[in-house]
Amino acid sequence: MADGPNTNQKQISIELSDEMAEGVYSNLAIISHSQSEFVLDFIRMMPNVPKAKVKSRVILTPQHAKRLMRALQDNMNKFEKQFGSVAETDQPAIPPMNFNTPKAQA
């Protein structure tokens, strides 16, 4: 039997409910932190609606937040290698609320 880096690791079974599998769409994230935790609030902003709601909140330890940051960077690098560079725009920290769409009329 060959000894490899994963020889002593145990597998974890992860369950994903149908509701959770649908996911939550977010087009804005706000990240805050204290000495002991990072809080990621995922928000969905809608055109011409001045109030947005937090759709999901994830609380992480600083160590886990750093692992997440590295995993996101690794996945972005793989994505761009496969599909090309993701263009960044010079947008303000908070996107405009009107999404450049005409106001709805009834």
PDB file of N, CA and C in Angstrom:
ATOM      1  N   MET A   1       0.845  -1.181   0.000  1.00  0.00           N
ATOM      2  CA  MET A   1       0.000   0.000   0.000  1.00  0.00           C
ATOM      3  C   MET A   1       0.885   1.237   0.000  1.00  0.00           C
ATOM      4  N   ALA A   2       0.645   2.130  -0.940  1.00  0.00           N
ATOM      5  CA  ALA A   2       1.459   3.341  -1.059  1.00  0.00           C
ATOM      6  C   ALA A   2       0.992   4.394  -0.068  1.00  0.00           C
ATOM      7  N   ASP A   3       1.964   5.037   0.556  1.00  0.00           N
ATOM      8  CA  ASP A   3       1.634   6.134   1.458  1.00  0.00           C
ATOM      9  C   ASP A   3       1.632   7.430   0.675  1.00  0.00           C
ATOM     10  N   GLY A   4       0.534   8.131   0.702  1.00  0.00           N
ATOM     11  CA  GLY A   4       0.433   9.418   0.014  1.00  0.00           C
ATOM     12  C   GLY A   4      -0.014  10.475   0.993  1.00  0.00           C
ATOM     13  N   PRO A   5      -0.165  11.716   0.519  1.00  0.00           N
ATOM     14  CA  PRO A   5      -0.550  12.800   1.414  1.00  0.00           C
ATOM     15  C   PRO A   5      -1.952  12.645   1.987  1.00  0.00           C
ATOM     16  N   ASN A   6      -2.805  11.846   1.342  1.00  0.00           N
ATOM     17  CA  ASN A   6      -4.189  11.717   1.798  1.00  0.00           C
ATOM     18  C   ASN A   6      -4.458  10.394   2.509  1.00  0.00           C
ATOM     19  N   THR A   7      -3.425   9.628   2.808  1.00  0.00           N
ATOM     20  CA  THR A   7      -3.604   8.307   3.389  1.00  0.00           C
ATOM     21  C   THR A   7      -4.340   8.350   4.720  1.00  0.00           C
ATOM     22  N   ASN A   8      -4.026   9.294   5.591  1.00  0.00           N
ATOM     23  CA  ASN A   8      -4.614   9.346   6.922  1.00  0.00           C
ATOM     24  C   ASN A   8      -5.842  10.243   7.016  1.00  0.00           C
ATOM     25  N   GLN A   9      -6.270  10.846   5.908  1.00  0.00           N
ATOM     26  CA  GLN A   9      -7.426  11.734   5.956  1.00  0.00           C
ATOM     27  C   GLN A   9      -8.715  10.927   5.912  1.00  0.00           C
ATOM     28  N   LYS A  10      -9.697  11.372   6.689  1.00  0.00           N
ATOM     29  CA  LYS A  10     -11.001  10.733   6.697  1.00  0.00           C
ATOM     30  C   LYS A  10     -11.915  11.489   5.747  1.00  0.00           C
ATOM     31  N   GLN A  11     -12.853  10.779   5.126  1.00  0.00           N
ATOM     32  CA  GLN A  11     -13.807  11.404   4.235  1.00  0.00           C
ATOM     33  C   GLN A  11     -14.997  11.917   5.033  1.00  0.00           C
ATOM     34  N   ILE A  12     -15.557  13.015   4.577  1.00  0.00           N
ATOM     35  CA  ILE A  12     -16.726  13.600   5.217  1.00  0.00           C
ATOM     36  C   ILE A  12     -17.894  13.500   4.244  1.00  0.00           C
ATOM     37  N   SER A  13     -19.004  13.041   4.725  1.00  0.00           N
ATOM     38  CA  SER A  13     -20.208  12.984   3.916  1.00  0.00           C
ATOM     39  C   SER A  13     -20.971  14.283   4.122  1.00  0.00           C
ATOM     40  N   ILE A  14     -21.244  14.992   3.036  1.00  0.00           N
ATOM     41  CA  ILE A  14     -21.931  16.277   3.114  1.00  0.00           C
ATOM     42  C   ILE A  14     -23.296  16.142   2.458  1.00  0.00           C
ATOM     43  N   GLU A  15     -24.331  16.536   3.187  1.00  0.00           N
ATOM     44  CA  GLU A  15     -25.693  16.461   2.670  1.00  0.00           C
ATOM     45  C   GLU A  15     -26.132  17.837   2.200  1.00  0.00           C
ATOM     46  N   LEU A  16     -26.779  17.894   1.060  1.00  0.00           N
ATOM     47  CA  LEU A  16     -27.270  19.147   0.489  1.00  0.00           C
ATOM     48  C   LEU A  16     -28.758  18.991   0.203  1.00  0.00           C
ATOM     49  N   SER A  17     -29.586  19.713   0.971  1.00  0.00           N
ATOM     50  CA  SER A  17     -31.033  19.615   0.773  1.00  0.00           C
ATOM     51  C   SER A  17     -31.424  20.253  -0.559  1.00  0.00           C
ATOM     52  N   ASP A  18     -32.592  19.900  -1.064  1.00  0.00           N
ATOM     53  CA  ASP A  18     -33.076  20.474  -2.324  1.00  0.00           C
ATOM     54  C   ASP A  18     -33.193  21.995  -2.229  1.00  0.00           C
ATOM     55  N   GLU A  19     -33.695  22.477  -1.086  1.00  0.00           N
ATOM     56  CA  GLU A  19     -33.859  23.919  -0.898  1.00  0.00           C
ATOM     57  C   GLU A  19     -32.508  24.627  -0.922  1.00  0.00           C
ATOM     58  N   MET A  20     -31.522  24.072  -0.228  1.00  0.00           N
ATOM     59  CA  MET A  20     -30.198  24.680  -0.185  1.00  0.00           C
ATOM     60  C   MET A  20     -29.508  24.584  -1.544  1.00  0.00           C
ATOM     61  N   ALA A  21     -29.781  23.527  -2.286  1.00  0.00           N
ATOM     62  CA  ALA A  21     -29.156  23.332  -3.596  1.00  0.00           C
ATOM     63  C   ALA A  21     -29.571  24.417  -4.594  1.00  0.00           C
ATOM     64  N   GLU A  22     -30.719  25.043  -4.377  1.00  0.00           N
ATOM     65  CA  GLU A  22     -31.165  26.121  -5.252  1.00  0.00           C
ATOM     66  C   GLU A  22     -30.247  27.333  -5.158  1.00  0.00           C
ATOM     67  N   GLY A  23     -29.613  27.525  -4.029  1.00  0.00           N
ATOM     68  CA  GLY A  23     -28.702  28.647  -3.848  1.00  0.00           C
ATOM     69  C   GLY A  23     -29.433  29.959  -3.646  1.00  0.00           C
ATOM     70  N   VAL A  24     -28.655  30.996  -3.404  1.00  0.00           N
ATOM     71  CA  VAL A  24     -29.172  32.342  -3.206  1.00  0.00           C
ATOM     72  C   VAL A  24     -28.375  33.272  -4.102  1.00  0.00           C
ATOM     73  N   TYR A  25     -29.048  34.038  -4.949  1.00  0.00           N
ATOM     74  CA  TYR A  25     -28.360  34.992  -5.818  1.00  0.00           C
ATOM     75  C   TYR A  25     -28.002  36.237  -5.023  1.00  0.00           C
ATOM     76  N   SER A  26     -26.786  36.701  -5.216  1.00  0.00           N
ATOM     77  CA  SER A  26     -26.316  37.917  -4.554  1.00  0.00           C
ATOM     78  C   SER A  26     -25.535  38.752  -5.555  1.00  0.00           C
ATOM     79  N   ASN A  27     -25.784  40.066  -5.558  1.00  0.00           N
ATOM     80  CA  ASN A  27     -25.000  40.949  -6.419  1.00  0.00           C
ATOM     81  C   ASN A  27     -24.273  42.025  -5.606  1.00  0.00           C
ATOM     82  N   LEU A  28     -24.220  41.817  -4.286  1.00  0.00           N
ATOM     83  CA  LEU A  28     -23.467  42.703  -3.417  1.00  0.00           C
ATOM     84  C   LEU A  28     -23.099  41.929  -2.158  1.00  0.00           C
ATOM     85  N   ALA A  29     -21.860  42.083  -1.711  1.00  0.00           N
ATOM     86  CA  ALA A  29     -21.434  41.462  -0.459  1.00  0.00           C
ATOM     87  C   ALA A  29     -20.802  42.528   0.419  1.00  0.00           C
ATOM     88  N   ILE A  30     -21.116  42.488   1.685  1.00  0.00           N
ATOM     89  CA  ILE A  30     -20.513  43.388   2.658  1.00  0.00           C
ATOM     90  C   ILE A  30     -19.776  42.515   3.662  1.00  0.00           C
ATOM     91  N   ILE A  31     -18.519  42.830   3.876  1.00  0.00           N
ATOM     92  CA  ILE A  31     -17.684  42.041   4.776  1.00  0.00           C
ATOM     93  C   ILE A  31     -17.271  42.919   5.948  1.00  0.00           C
ATOM     94  N   SER A  32     -17.509  42.429   7.145  1.00  0.00           N
ATOM     95  CA  SER A  32     -17.068  43.130   8.348  1.00  0.00           C
ATOM     96  C   SER A  32     -16.343  42.118   9.230  1.00  0.00           C
ATOM     97  N   HIS A  33     -15.605  42.626  10.195  1.00  0.00           N
ATOM     98  CA  HIS A  33     -14.858  41.710  11.044  1.00  0.00           C
ATOM     99  C   HIS A  33     -14.628  42.308  12.430  1.00  0.00           C
ATOM    100  N   SER A  34     -14.400  41.404  13.354  1.00  0.00           N
ATOM    101  CA  SER A  34     -13.961  41.751  14.701  1.00  0.00           C
ATOM    102  C   SER A  34     -12.656  40.996  14.925  1.00  0.00           C
ATOM    103  N   GLN A  35     -12.160  41.014  16.122  1.00  0.00           N
ATOM    104  CA  GLN A  35     -10.921  40.297  16.422  1.00  0.00           C
ATOM    105  C   GLN A  35     -11.098  38.786  16.268  1.00  0.00           C
ATOM    106  N   SER A  36     -12.319  38.301  16.449  1.00  0.00           N
ATOM    107  CA  SER A  36     -12.523  36.858  16.479  1.00  0.00           C
ATOM    108  C   SER A  36     -13.332  36.278  15.329  1.00  0.00           C
ATOM    109  N   GLU A  37     -13.914  37.138  14.464  1.00  0.00           N
ATOM    110  CA  GLU A  37     -14.739  36.582  13.392  1.00  0.00           C
ATOM    111  C   GLU A  37     -14.866  37.535  12.208  1.00  0.00           C
ATOM    112  N   PHE A  38     -15.154  36.942  11.045  1.00  0.00           N
ATOM    113  CA  PHE A  38     -15.501  37.673   9.836  1.00  0.00           C
ATOM    114  C   PHE A  38     -16.972  37.407   9.563  1.00  0.00           C
ATOM    115  N   VAL A  39     -17.694  38.440   9.178  1.00  0.00           N
ATOM    116  CA  VAL A  39     -19.111  38.307   8.849  1.00  0.00           C
ATOM    117  C   VAL A  39     -19.281  38.705   7.390  1.00  0.00           C
ATOM    118  N   LEU A  40     -19.804  37.776   6.589  1.00  0.00           N
ATOM    119  CA  LEU A  40     -20.062  38.021   5.178  1.00  0.00           C
ATOM    120  C   LEU A  40     -21.564  38.104   4.979  1.00  0.00           C
ATOM    121  N   ASP A  41     -22.056  39.269   4.600  1.00  0.00           N
ATOM    122  CA  ASP A  41     -23.472  39.458   4.298  1.00  0.00           C
ATOM    123  C   ASP A  41     -23.628  39.509   2.786  1.00  0.00           C
ATOM    124  N   PHE A  42     -24.464  38.611   2.255  1.00  0.00           N
ATOM    125  CA  PHE A  42     -24.730  38.554   0.824  1.00  0.00           C
ATOM    126  C   PHE A  42     -26.097  39.173   0.576  1.00  0.00           C
ATOM    127  N   ILE A  43     -26.129  40.166  -0.310  1.00  0.00           N
ATOM    128  CA  ILE A  43     -27.295  41.020  -0.503  1.00  0.00           C
ATOM    129  C   ILE A  43     -27.740  40.952  -1.956  1.00  0.00           C
ATOM    130  N   ARG A  44     -29.033  41.036  -2.178  1.00  0.00           N
ATOM    131  CA  ARG A  44     -29.581  41.125  -3.528  1.00  0.00           C
ATOM    132  C   ARG A  44     -30.216  42.497  -3.690  1.00  0.00           C
ATOM    133  N   MET A  45     -29.658  43.284  -4.617  1.00  0.00           N
ATOM    134  CA  MET A  45     -30.228  44.598  -4.937  1.00  0.00           C
ATOM    135  C   MET A  45     -31.071  44.454  -6.191  1.00  0.00           C
ATOM    136  N   MET A  46     -32.225  45.103  -6.203  1.00  0.00           N
ATOM    137  CA  MET A  46     -33.108  45.040  -7.362  1.00  0.00           C
ATOM    138  C   MET A  46     -33.222  46.419  -7.993  1.00  0.00           C
ATOM    139  N   PRO A  47     -33.418  46.462  -9.306  1.00  0.00           N
ATOM    140  CA  PRO A  47     -33.532  47.757  -9.996  1.00  0.00           C
ATOM    141  C   PRO A  47     -34.655  48.611  -9.423  1.00  0.00           C
ATOM    142  N   ASN A  48     -34.354  49.890  -9.238  1.00  0.00           N
ATOM    143  CA  ASN A  48     -35.329  50.886  -8.803  1.00  0.00           C
ATOM    144  C   ASN A  48     -35.980  50.583  -7.456  1.00  0.00           C
ATOM    145  N   VAL A  49     -35.352  49.767  -6.646  1.00  0.00           N
ATOM    146  CA  VAL A  49     -35.837  49.481  -5.295  1.00  0.00           C
ATOM    147  C   VAL A  49     -34.791  50.024  -4.329  1.00  0.00           C
ATOM    148  N   PRO A  50     -35.142  51.057  -3.557  1.00  0.00           N
ATOM    149  CA  PRO A  50     -34.140  51.713  -2.710  1.00  0.00           C
ATOM    150  C   PRO A  50     -33.719  50.915  -1.479  1.00  0.00           C
ATOM    151  N   LYS A  51     -34.396  49.805  -1.209  1.00  0.00           N
ATOM    152  CA  LYS A  51     -34.069  49.017  -0.022  1.00  0.00           C
ATOM    153  C   LYS A  51     -33.655  47.611  -0.460  1.00  0.00           C
ATOM    154  N   ALA A  52     -32.502  47.163   0.033  1.00  0.00           N
ATOM    155  CA  ALA A  52     -32.015  45.821  -0.282  1.00  0.00           C
ATOM    156  C   ALA A  52     -32.001  44.987   0.984  1.00  0.00           C
ATOM    157  N   LYS A  53     -32.153  43.666   0.819  1.00  0.00           N
ATOM    158  CA  LYS A  53     -32.188  42.778   1.974  1.00  0.00           C
ATOM    159  C   LYS A  53     -30.993  41.841   1.958  1.00  0.00           C
ATOM    160  N   VAL A  54     -30.493  41.554   3.154  1.00  0.00           N
ATOM    161  CA  VAL A  54     -29.476  40.520   3.294  1.00  0.00           C
ATOM    162  C   VAL A  54     -30.168  39.187   3.059  1.00  0.00           C
ATOM    163  N   LYS A  55     -29.665  38.419   2.114  1.00  0.00           N
ATOM    164  CA  LYS A  55     -30.256  37.132   1.778  1.00  0.00           C
ATOM    165  C   LYS A  55     -29.560  35.980   2.476  1.00  0.00           C
ATOM    166  N   SER A  56     -28.300  36.199   2.856  1.00  0.00           N
ATOM    167  CA  SER A  56     -27.562  35.151   3.539  1.00  0.00           C
ATOM    168  C   SER A  56     -26.429  35.783   4.332  1.00  0.00           C
ATOM    169  N   ARG A  57     -26.154  35.230   5.497  1.00  0.00           N
ATOM    170  CA  ARG A  57     -25.043  35.705   6.333  1.00  0.00           C
ATOM    171  C   ARG A  57     -24.197  34.494   6.694  1.00  0.00           C
ATOM    172  N   VAL A  58     -22.889  34.635   6.500  1.00  0.00           N
ATOM    173  CA  VAL A  58     -21.946  33.574   6.855  1.00  0.00           C
ATOM    174  C   VAL A  58     -20.941  34.164   7.836  1.00  0.00           C
ATOM    175  N   ILE A  59     -20.735  33.481   8.951  1.00  0.00           N
ATOM    176  CA  ILE A  59     -19.798  33.938   9.979  1.00  0.00           C
ATOM    177  C   ILE A  59     -18.642  32.942  10.025  1.00  0.00           C
ATOM    178  N   LEU A  60     -17.422  33.466   9.920  1.00  0.00           N
ATOM    179  CA  LEU A  60     -16.224  32.625   9.836  1.00  0.00           C
ATOM    180  C   LEU A  60     -15.187  33.052  10.860  1.00  0.00           C
ATOM    181  N   THR A  61     -14.354  32.104  11.273  1.00  0.00           N
ATOM    182  CA  THR A  61     -13.181  32.466  12.063  1.00  0.00           C
ATOM    183  C   THR A  61     -12.179  33.129  11.114  1.00  0.00           C
ATOM    184  N   PRO A  62     -11.258  33.931  11.625  1.00  0.00           N
ATOM    185  CA  PRO A  62     -10.240  34.534  10.751  1.00  0.00           C
ATOM    186  C   PRO A  62      -9.443  33.486   9.966  1.00  0.00           C
ATOM    187  N   GLN A  63      -9.147  32.362  10.596  1.00  0.00           N
ATOM    188  CA  GLN A  63      -8.398  31.313   9.919  1.00  0.00           C
ATOM    189  C   GLN A  63      -9.200  30.737   8.746  1.00  0.00           C
ATOM    190  N   HIS A  64     -10.481  30.505   8.971  1.00  0.00           N
ATOM    191  CA  HIS A  64     -11.307  29.965   7.892  1.00  0.00           C
ATOM    192  C   HIS A  64     -11.521  31.007   6.792  1.00  0.00           C
ATOM    193  N   ALA A  65     -11.641  32.270   7.171  1.00  0.00           N
ATOM    194  CA  ALA A  65     -11.787  33.336   6.178  1.00  0.00           C
ATOM    195  C   ALA A  65     -10.560  33.382   5.268  1.00  0.00           C
ATOM    196  N   LYS A  66      -9.386  33.188   5.843  1.00  0.00           N
ATOM    197  CA  LYS A  66      -8.160  33.201   5.041  1.00  0.00           C
ATOM    198  C   LYS A  66      -8.116  32.003   4.102  1.00  0.00           C
ATOM    199  N   ARG A  67      -8.557  30.832   4.581  1.00  0.00           N
ATOM    200  CA  ARG A  67      -8.619  29.656   3.704  1.00  0.00           C
ATOM    201  C   ARG A  67      -9.627  29.874   2.578  1.00  0.00           C
ATOM    202  N   LEU A  68     -10.751  30.512   2.893  1.00  0.00           N
ATOM    203  CA  LEU A  68     -11.758  30.811   1.873  1.00  0.00           C
ATOM    204  C   LEU A  68     -11.186  31.766   0.834  1.00  0.00           C
ATOM    205  N   MET A  69     -10.477  32.802   1.292  1.00  0.00           N
ATOM    206  CA  MET A  69      -9.870  33.770   0.379  1.00  0.00           C
ATOM    207  C   MET A  69      -8.915  33.061  -0.583  1.00  0.00           C
ATOM    208  N   ARG A  70      -8.090  32.169  -0.064  1.00  0.00           N
ATOM    209  CA  ARG A  70      -7.142  31.437  -0.910  1.00  0.00           C
ATOM    210  C   ARG A  70      -7.862  30.501  -1.876  1.00  0.00           C
ATOM    211  N   ALA A  71      -8.922  29.849  -1.409  1.00  0.00           N
ATOM    212  CA  ALA A  71      -9.684  28.952  -2.274  1.00  0.00           C
ATOM    213  C   ALA A  71     -10.384  29.727  -3.392  1.00  0.00           C
ATOM    214  N   LEU A  72     -10.932  30.902  -3.068  1.00  0.00           N
ATOM    215  CA  LEU A  72     -11.558  31.740  -4.101  1.00  0.00           C
ATOM    216  C   LEU A  72     -10.532  32.191  -5.132  1.00  0.00           C
ATOM    217  N   GLN A  73      -9.339  32.598  -4.674  1.00  0.00           N
ATOM    218  CA  GLN A  73      -8.289  33.034  -5.604  1.00  0.00           C
ATOM    219  C   GLN A  73      -7.858  31.878  -6.495  1.00  0.00           C
ATOM    220  N   ASP A  74      -7.697  30.694  -5.921  1.00  0.00           N
ATOM    221  CA  ASP A  74      -7.313  29.522  -6.702  1.00  0.00           C
ATOM    222  C   ASP A  74      -8.373  29.210  -7.755  1.00  0.00           C
ATOM    223  N   ASN A  75      -9.641  29.257  -7.366  1.00  0.00           N
ATOM    224  CA  ASN A  75     -10.716  28.977  -8.310  1.00  0.00           C
ATOM    225  C   ASN A  75     -10.841  30.056  -9.374  1.00  0.00           C
ATOM    226  N   MET A  76     -10.612  31.323  -9.017  1.00  0.00           N
ATOM    227  CA  MET A  76     -10.648  32.392 -10.010  1.00  0.00           C
ATOM    228  C   MET A  76      -9.526  32.200 -11.029  1.00  0.00           C
ATOM    229  N   ASN A  77      -8.338  31.831 -10.555  1.00  0.00           N
ATOM    230  CA  ASN A  77      -7.223  31.572 -11.469  1.00  0.00           C
ATOM    231  C   ASN A  77      -7.564  30.445 -12.439  1.00  0.00           C
ATOM    232  N   LYS A  78      -8.168  29.365 -11.936  1.00  0.00           N
ATOM    233  CA  LYS A  78      -8.563  28.248 -12.797  1.00  0.00           C
ATOM    234  C   LYS A  78      -9.640  28.681 -13.786  1.00  0.00           C
ATOM    235  N   PHE A  79     -10.610  29.468 -13.313  1.00  0.00           N
ATOM    236  CA  PHE A  79     -11.687  29.961 -14.178  1.00  0.00           C
ATOM    237  C   PHE A  79     -11.117  30.795 -15.322  1.00  0.00           C
ATOM    238  N   GLU A  80     -10.231  31.751 -14.979  1.00  0.00           N
ATOM    239  CA  GLU A  80      -9.672  32.633 -16.004  1.00  0.00           C
ATOM    240  C   GLU A  80      -8.764  31.881 -16.974  1.00  0.00           C
ATOM    241  N   LYS A  81      -8.112  30.862 -16.507  1.00  0.00           N
ATOM    242  CA  LYS A  81      -7.280  30.045 -17.397  1.00  0.00           C
ATOM    243  C   LYS A  81      -8.156  29.325 -18.415  1.00  0.00           C
ATOM    244  N   GLN A  82      -9.341  28.895 -17.984  1.00  0.00           N
ATOM    245  CA  GLN A  82     -10.247  28.167 -18.870  1.00  0.00           C
ATOM    246  C   GLN A  82     -11.091  29.086 -19.751  1.00  0.00           C
ATOM    247  N   PHE A  83     -11.583  30.195 -19.185  1.00  0.00           N
ATOM    248  CA  PHE A  83     -12.558  31.028 -19.889  1.00  0.00           C
ATOM    249  C   PHE A  83     -12.059  32.423 -20.259  1.00  0.00           C
ATOM    250  N   GLY A  84     -10.891  32.798 -19.814  1.00  0.00           N
ATOM    251  CA  GLY A  84     -10.367  34.135 -20.102  1.00  0.00           C
ATOM    252  C   GLY A  84     -10.545  35.060 -18.914  1.00  0.00           C
ATOM    253  N   SER A  85      -9.863  36.178 -18.998  1.00  0.00           N
ATOM    254  CA  SER A  85      -9.823  37.142 -17.906  1.00  0.00           C
ATOM    255  C   SER A  85     -11.199  37.733 -17.608  1.00  0.00           C
ATOM    256  N   VAL A  86     -11.492  37.901 -16.336  1.00  0.00           N
ATOM    257  CA  VAL A  86     -12.722  38.554 -15.901  1.00  0.00           C
ATOM    258  C   VAL A  86     -12.420  40.039 -15.785  1.00  0.00           C
ATOM    259  N   ALA A  87     -13.127  40.835 -16.565  1.00  0.00           N
ATOM    260  CA  ALA A  87     -12.890  42.278 -16.580  1.00  0.00           C
ATOM    261  C   ALA A  87     -13.470  42.913 -15.324  1.00  0.00           C
ATOM    262  N   GLU A  88     -12.699  43.799 -14.736  1.00  0.00           N
ATOM    263  CA  GLU A  88     -13.178  44.570 -13.596  1.00  0.00           C
ATOM    264  C   GLU A  88     -13.474  45.984 -14.071  1.00  0.00           C
ATOM    265  N   THR A  89     -14.563  46.559 -13.563  1.00  0.00           N
ATOM    266  CA  THR A  89     -14.908  47.923 -13.930  1.00  0.00           C
ATOM    267  C   THR A  89     -14.594  48.852 -12.774  1.00  0.00           C
ATOM    268  N   ASP A  90     -14.472  50.112 -13.067  1.00  0.00           N
ATOM    269  CA  ASP A  90     -14.238  51.114 -12.028  1.00  0.00           C
ATOM    270  C   ASP A  90     -15.574  51.545 -11.451  1.00  0.00           C
ATOM    271  N   GLN A  91     -16.180  50.676 -10.654  1.00  0.00           N
ATOM    272  CA  GLN A  91     -17.470  50.967 -10.052  1.00  0.00           C
ATOM    273  C   GLN A  91     -17.274  51.500  -8.646  1.00  0.00           C
ATOM    274  N   PRO A  92     -18.211  52.312  -8.183  1.00  0.00           N
ATOM    275  CA  PRO A  92     -18.141  52.747  -6.791  1.00  0.00           C
ATOM    276  C   PRO A  92     -18.331  51.554  -5.854  1.00  0.00           C
ATOM    277  N   ALA A  93     -17.979  51.726  -4.592  1.00  0.00           N
ATOM    278  CA  ALA A  93     -18.096  50.644  -3.609  1.00  0.00           C
ATOM    279  C   ALA A  93     -19.520  50.106  -3.530  1.00  0.00           C
ATOM    280  N   ILE A  94     -20.511  50.997  -3.637  1.00  0.00           N
ATOM    281  CA  ILE A  94     -21.904  50.571  -3.645  1.00  0.00           C
ATOM    282  C   ILE A  94     -22.460  50.876  -5.036  1.00  0.00           C
ATOM    283  N   PRO A  95     -22.917  49.846  -5.759  1.00  0.00           N
ATOM    284  CA  PRO A  95     -23.417  50.076  -7.116  1.00  0.00           C
ATOM    285  C   PRO A  95     -24.646  50.972  -7.130  1.00  0.00           C
ATOM    286  N   PRO A  96     -24.886  51.666  -8.248  1.00  0.00           N
ATOM    287  CA  PRO A  96     -26.070  52.526  -8.339  1.00  0.00           C
ATOM    288  C   PRO A  96     -27.346  51.696  -8.199  1.00  0.00           C
ATOM    289  N   MET A  97     -28.330  52.279  -7.580  1.00  0.00           N
ATOM    290  CA  MET A  97     -29.569  51.553  -7.315  1.00  0.00           C
ATOM    291  C   MET A  97     -30.465  51.427  -8.543  1.00  0.00           C
ATOM    292  N   ASN A  98     -30.235  52.214  -9.586  1.00  0.00           N
ATOM    293  CA  ASN A  98     -31.177  52.186 -10.709  1.00  0.00           C
ATOM    294  C   ASN A  98     -30.806  51.193 -11.800  1.00  0.00           C
ATOM    295  N   PHE A  99     -29.633  50.605 -11.775  1.00  0.00           N
ATOM    296  CA  PHE A  99     -29.206  49.617 -12.751  1.00  0.00           C
ATOM    297  C   PHE A  99     -29.355  50.126 -14.185  1.00  0.00           C
ATOM    298  N   ASN A 100     -29.470  51.445 -14.360  1.00  0.00           N
ATOM    299  CA  ASN A 100     -29.637  52.052 -15.686  1.00  0.00           C
ATOM    300  C   ASN A 100     -30.848  51.515 -16.436  1.00  0.00           C
ATOM    301  N   THR A 101     -31.932  51.270 -15.722  1.00  0.00           N
ATOM    302  CA  THR A 101     -33.165  50.803 -16.345  1.00  0.00           C
ATOM    303  C   THR A 101     -34.243  51.868 -16.138  1.00  0.00           C
ATOM    304  N   PRO A 102     -35.220  51.927 -17.031  1.00  0.00           N
ATOM    305  CA  PRO A 102     -36.302  52.899 -16.822  1.00  0.00           C
ATOM    306  C   PRO A 102     -37.138  52.521 -15.626  1.00  0.00           C
ATOM    307  N   LYS A 103     -37.755  53.519 -15.005  1.00  0.00           N
ATOM    308  CA  LYS A 103     -38.615  53.273 -13.836  1.00  0.00           C
ATOM    309  C   LYS A 103     -39.870  52.517 -14.286  1.00  0.00           C
ATOM    310  N   ALA A 104     -40.267  51.573 -13.446  1.00  0.00           N
ATOM    311  CA  ALA A 104     -41.466  50.787 -13.741  1.00  0.00           C
ATOM    312  C   ALA A 104     -42.703  51.658 -13.583  1.00  0.00           C
ATOM    313  N   GLN A 105     -43.672  51.434 -14.443  1.00  0.00           N
ATOM    314  CA  GLN A 105     -44.937  52.158 -14.363  1.00  0.00           C
ATOM    315  C   GLN A 105     -46.087  51.170 -14.356  1.00  0.00           C
ATOM    316  N   ALA A 106     -47.107  51.483 -13.594  1.00  0.00           N
ATOM    317  CA  ALA A 106     -48.272  50.589 -13.533  1.00  0.00           C
ATOM    318  C   ALA A 106     -49.389  51.132 -14.392  1.00  0.00           C
TER     319      ALA A 106
END
